[in-house]
Amino acid sequence: EKECSAYAFSKDLQSWCRISDASRYLHSDYATTLSFETLGNNKNSQSKEASTRPLGNIQAELAEAGRLSGVISSSFCAKILANAKTEDFSDLQDYSDISRVHLEALIGSCRILFSAEEYQEWIL
């Protein structure tokens, strides 16, 4: 199985931590497969916005890499949406759990990346 992830070294934990994954949380309420252009960023610019949003930038890069490598494809996303529409919602708690775990991962990633602005956005 293909994987498209980003890792950062945490001095506090003295280990490598996964900070983003292109396909792990596709069922999460917080998941996105948006590109830089869709998000309104120019990946070639060194704007203040780009430098203060390291996690968002990494997620956009991974979404693009996931699409290019086939980890995330439009047919894969369509299949997830089709399954969501036909399910009886008996596993709604599973989706809630996935979203909660994803949010916890996002908050932890912001701390590892020292991204106070994104940390505040996710915590609120």
Foldseek 3Di string as FASTA:
>chain_A
DDWQWDWDAFPVVRGIDTQDTQPPLLLAPPDDLAACVRVVHDVVDPDPVCVLCVSVNSNNVSSVVCCVVVVDDPVVSVVVVVCVVPDPCPVVVVSVVSNVVVLVSNLVSCVRVVNPVSNVVSVD
